[in-house]
Amino acid sequence: MSAGESSKQRYGPMMKKSKFVPILGFALVALFLVSGMSYGFKQEDLDKLSATGQCPFCDLSHTDLPAADLSGKRLAGARLSDANLPDAKLSNANLRNANLSRAKLTNANLSGADLTGANLPDAQLSGANLSGAKLTDANLPKADLSGANLSHARLSGADLSGANVSGVNFSEADLSGATWPDGKKCGAGSLGECKKGSSGSDNKPKGGRGSRGGSPTGMSF
């Protein structure tokens, strides 16, 4: 056996192993990056919320908490973007200035919750109970609010541009200064309906009873 062949036999396995190590390292890094992208929340924040019932300014983005009971929890300024919270119980929760962009809150109970200044663009709130909720200056562009209950809610100054408000219960809701889905502002005294100028109409459908022989239903002057 030549010296070269002997060297290959002795160091061959070691060379193969050394090539395998960086490949494994790259794979682990990639897995870490993907995991970080998919699950942005901090486990310690979730543990804090569970233990104390409050976690202001926590990072709970991408959390998967369907039907979770978070009633009365203090989550002001928390990051809940892309959180999965269908059927969650969030009544009377403090969510002031929280980031709930793209959050899934279908059929969630947010009655009496404080969402003042909260960010909810593209949030899924279809069928949600937001009765009596405080949504002053909240941002809800392109949010899905179809079939939601917003009776007695405070929506003054809220941005509803591009939002789906079909079938929403706005009974006694304060819409003064809110931006309607068509981009127009609701006037002062908009209670239960968006009262706009002569160039716009409110949220009620046209052509209903009472429109014949006068101004169309929902038109404000």
Protein backbone atom coordinates (compact mmCIF):
# COMPACT_ATOMS: atom_id res chain seq x y z
CA MET A 1 0.00 0.00 0.00
CA SER A 2 1.40 3.39 -0.98
CA ALA A 3 1.74 6.31 1.42
CA GLY A 4 -0.96 8.24 -0.47
CA GLU A 5 -3.47 5.40 -0.21
CA SER A 6 -2.73 5.02 3.48
CA SER A 7 -3.30 8.74 4.05
CA LYS A 8 -6.68 8.60 2.28
CA GLN A 9 -7.77 5.67 4.40
CA ARG A 10 -6.78 7.43 7.62
CA TYR A 11 -8.11 10.94 6.89
CA GLY A 12 -10.93 10.22 4.46
CA PRO A 13 -13.68 9.76 7.08
CA MET A 14 -12.45 12.81 8.98
CA MET A 15 -12.58 14.98 5.85
CA LYS A 16 -16.14 13.81 5.11
CA LYS A 17 -17.15 14.60 8.69
CA SER A 18 -15.61 18.08 8.54
CA LYS A 19 -17.60 18.82 5.37
CA PHE A 20 -20.79 17.61 7.05
CA VAL A 21 -20.43 19.91 10.10
CA PRO A 22 -20.84 23.26 8.27
CA ILE A 23 -23.79 21.87 6.31
CA LEU A 24 -25.47 20.88 9.58
CA GLY A 25 -24.69 24.35 10.96
CA PHE A 26 -26.32 26.07 8.00
CA ALA A 27 -29.39 23.84 8.37
CA LEU A 28 -29.76 24.75 12.05
CA VAL A 29 -29.41 28.46 11.31
CA ALA A 30 -32.05 28.21 8.59
CA LEU A 31 -34.38 26.35 10.95
CA PHE A 32 -33.87 29.01 13.61
CA LEU A 33 -34.64 31.81 11.17
CA VAL A 34 -37.79 30.11 9.91
CA SER A 35 -38.94 29.44 13.47
CA GLY A 36 -38.32 33.04 14.43
CA MET A 37 -40.37 34.24 11.50
CA SER A 38 -43.26 31.92 12.21
CA TYR A 39 -43.35 32.34 15.97
CA GLY A 40 -42.34 35.86 16.91
CA PHE A 41 -43.69 35.83 20.45
CA LYS A 42 -41.55 35.58 23.55
CA GLN A 43 -42.34 32.61 25.76
CA GLU A 44 -41.44 34.60 28.88
CA ASP A 45 -44.08 37.19 27.94
CA LEU A 46 -46.69 34.48 27.55
CA ASP A 47 -45.69 33.01 30.91
CA LYS A 48 -45.91 36.46 32.51
CA LEU A 49 -49.40 36.98 31.16
CA SER A 50 -50.49 33.58 32.44
CA ALA A 51 -49.01 34.17 35.89
CA THR A 52 -49.95 37.81 36.52
CA GLY A 53 -52.85 38.53 34.16
CA GLN A 54 -51.05 41.52 32.75
CA CYS A 55 -48.34 42.02 30.19
CA PRO A 56 -48.27 45.57 28.78
CA PHE A 57 -45.94 46.08 25.80
CA CYS A 58 -45.34 42.33 25.58
CA ASP A 59 -44.50 40.59 22.31
CA LEU A 60 -47.29 38.08 21.71
CA SER A 61 -47.25 38.24 17.93
CA HIS A 62 -48.08 34.98 16.12
CA THR A 63 -49.43 33.41 19.33
CA ASP A 64 -51.92 30.58 18.84
CA LEU A 65 -54.56 31.04 21.55
CA PRO A 66 -57.97 30.02 20.19
CA ALA A 67 -60.81 30.40 22.73
CA ALA A 68 -58.35 31.73 25.32
CA ASP A 69 -59.85 33.50 28.35
CA LEU A 70 -58.11 36.88 28.53
CA SER A 71 -61.02 38.78 30.06
CA GLY A 72 -59.91 41.88 31.94
CA LYS A 73 -56.24 41.31 31.11
CA ARG A 74 -53.95 44.34 30.86
CA LEU A 75 -52.29 44.25 27.43
CA ALA A 76 -51.83 47.92 26.68
CA GLY A 77 -49.26 48.47 23.94
CA ALA A 78 -48.80 44.73 23.42
CA ARG A 79 -47.81 43.30 20.05
CA LEU A 80 -50.46 40.82 18.94
CA SER A 81 -49.96 41.06 15.21
CA ASP A 82 -50.91 37.86 13.34
CA ALA A 83 -52.15 36.34 16.61
CA ASN A 84 -54.66 33.50 16.26
CA LEU A 85 -57.45 34.33 18.72
CA PRO A 86 -60.77 33.06 17.31
CA ASP A 87 -63.53 32.72 19.95
CA ALA A 88 -61.22 34.33 22.51
CA LYS A 89 -62.70 35.98 25.60
CA LEU A 90 -61.31 39.52 25.81
CA SER A 91 -64.19 41.34 27.48
CA ASN A 92 -63.06 44.42 29.44
CA ALA A 93 -59.45 43.79 28.43
CA ASN A 94 -57.08 46.76 28.27
CA LEU A 95 -55.72 46.80 24.72
CA ARG A 96 -54.98 50.51 24.41
CA ASN A 97 -52.48 51.20 21.62
CA ALA A 98 -52.01 47.46 21.07
CA ASN A 99 -50.88 46.19 17.67
CA LEU A 100 -53.47 43.69 16.43
CA SER A 101 -52.73 43.94 12.73
CA ARG A 102 -53.88 40.85 10.82
CA ALA A 103 -55.02 39.26 14.10
CA LYS A 104 -57.66 36.55 13.78
CA LEU A 105 -60.44 37.49 16.21
CA THR A 106 -63.39 35.83 14.52
CA ASN A 107 -66.34 35.47 16.96
CA ALA A 108 -64.18 36.82 19.79
CA ASN A 109 -65.82 38.53 22.77
CA LEU A 110 -64.36 42.04 23.06
CA SER A 111 -67.34 43.60 24.79
CA GLY A 112 -66.29 46.54 26.95
CA ALA A 113 -62.67 46.20 25.88
CA ASP A 114 -60.50 49.32 25.69
CA LEU A 115 -59.02 49.46 22.18
CA THR A 116 -58.32 53.18 22.17
CA GLY A 117 -55.65 53.95 19.57
CA ALA A 118 -55.21 50.26 18.77
CA ASN A 119 -53.93 49.18 15.36
CA LEU A 120 -56.15 46.59 13.66
CA PRO A 121 -55.46 46.81 9.91
CA ASP A 122 -56.61 43.67 8.07
CA ALA A 123 -57.81 42.18 11.35
CA GLN A 124 -60.45 39.44 11.11
CA LEU A 125 -63.30 40.46 13.41
CA SER A 126 -66.28 38.88 11.66
CA GLY A 127 -68.97 37.93 14.14
CA ALA A 128 -67.04 39.49 17.02
CA ASN A 129 -68.82 41.06 20.00
CA LEU A 130 -67.50 44.62 20.38
CA SER A 131 -70.53 46.02 22.17
CA GLY A 132 -69.56 48.89 24.44
CA ALA A 133 -65.93 48.69 23.33
CA LYS A 134 -63.78 51.81 23.25
CA LEU A 135 -62.35 52.18 19.75
CA THR A 136 -61.62 55.91 19.81
CA ASP A 137 -58.90 56.74 17.24
CA ALA A 138 -58.46 53.02 16.50
CA ASN A 139 -57.07 52.06 13.10
CA LEU A 140 -59.18 49.46 11.29
CA PRO A 141 -58.40 49.87 7.58
CA LYS A 142 -59.46 46.83 5.54
CA ALA A 143 -60.56 45.01 8.68
CA ASP A 144 -63.30 42.39 8.32
CA LEU A 145 -66.10 43.44 10.69
CA SER A 146 -68.90 41.63 8.88
CA GLY A 147 -71.68 40.59 11.24
CA ALA A 148 -69.93 42.10 14.26
CA ASN A 149 -71.79 43.69 17.17
CA LEU A 150 -70.62 47.28 17.69
CA SER A 151 -73.67 48.52 19.55
CA HIS A 152 -72.86 51.31 22.03
CA ALA A 153 -69.21 51.22 20.94
CA ARG A 154 -67.16 54.41 20.85
CA LEU A 155 -65.69 54.83 17.37
CA SER A 156 -65.06 58.57 17.30
CA GLY A 157 -62.01 59.29 15.17
CA ALA A 158 -61.63 55.62 14.18
CA ASP A 159 -60.36 54.74 10.70
CA LEU A 160 -62.68 52.26 8.95
CA SER A 161 -61.42 52.97 5.43
CA GLY A 162 -61.81 49.92 3.22
CA ALA A 163 -63.27 47.86 6.08
CA ASN A 164 -66.03 45.31 5.55
CA VAL A 165 -68.97 46.52 7.65
CA SER A 166 -71.72 44.43 6.08
CA GLY A 167 -74.29 43.28 8.63
CA VAL A 168 -72.64 45.22 11.48
CA ASN A 169 -74.83 46.31 14.39
CA PHE A 170 -73.99 49.99 14.94
CA SER A 171 -76.93 50.64 17.27
CA GLU A 172 -76.13 53.65 19.51
CA ALA A 173 -72.47 53.53 18.42
CA ASP A 174 -70.66 56.88 18.42
CA LEU A 175 -69.22 57.36 14.91
CA SER A 176 -68.48 61.09 15.17
CA GLY A 177 -65.34 61.94 13.21
CA ALA A 178 -64.80 58.35 12.11
CA THR A 179 -63.58 57.59 8.59
CA TRP A 180 -66.17 55.45 6.79
CA PRO A 181 -65.15 52.57 4.46
CA ASP A 182 -65.58 54.88 1.46
CA GLY A 183 -62.98 57.24 2.92
CA LYS A 184 -65.45 59.96 3.91
CA LYS A 185 -65.74 61.42 7.40
CA CYS A 186 -68.74 60.95 9.61
CA GLY A 187 -70.08 64.22 10.95
CA ALA A 188 -70.58 65.28 14.53
CA GLY A 189 -73.53 63.63 16.21
CA SER A 190 -73.23 60.43 14.18
CA LEU A 191 -74.91 58.10 16.63
CA GLY A 192 -75.83 54.67 15.32
CA GLU A 193 -75.15 55.78 11.75
CA CYS A 194 -72.56 57.71 9.80
CA LYS A 195 -73.97 61.15 9.01
CA LYS A 196 -72.03 62.64 6.16
CA GLY A 197 -72.46 65.76 4.04
CA SER A 198 -74.78 66.13 1.04
CA SER A 199 -72.25 64.41 -1.21
CA GLY A 200 -72.31 61.15 0.75
CA SER A 201 -74.62 58.68 2.40
CA ASP A 202 -74.49 56.77 5.66
CA ASN A 203 -74.26 53.07 6.32
CA LYS A 204 -77.96 52.37 5.70
CA PRO A 205 -78.93 50.88 2.33
CA LYS A 206 -80.69 53.12 -0.18
CA GLY A 207 -84.11 52.54 -1.69
CA GLY A 208 -85.77 51.31 1.49
CA ARG A 209 -89.08 52.39 2.94
CA GLY A 210 -89.36 56.11 3.37
CA SER A 211 -87.17 56.99 0.39
CA ARG A 212 -90.03 57.57 -2.06
CA GLY A 213 -90.97 61.21 -2.54
CA GLY A 214 -88.03 62.54 -0.57
CA SER A 215 -84.30 62.21 -0.12
CA PRO A 216 -82.93 58.64 -0.30
CA THR A 217 -82.67 56.70 2.93
CA GLY A 218 -79.34 57.32 4.64
CA MET A 219 -78.66 60.64 2.92
CA SER A 220 -77.78 63.42 5.33
CA PHE A 221 -77.99 67.15 4.67
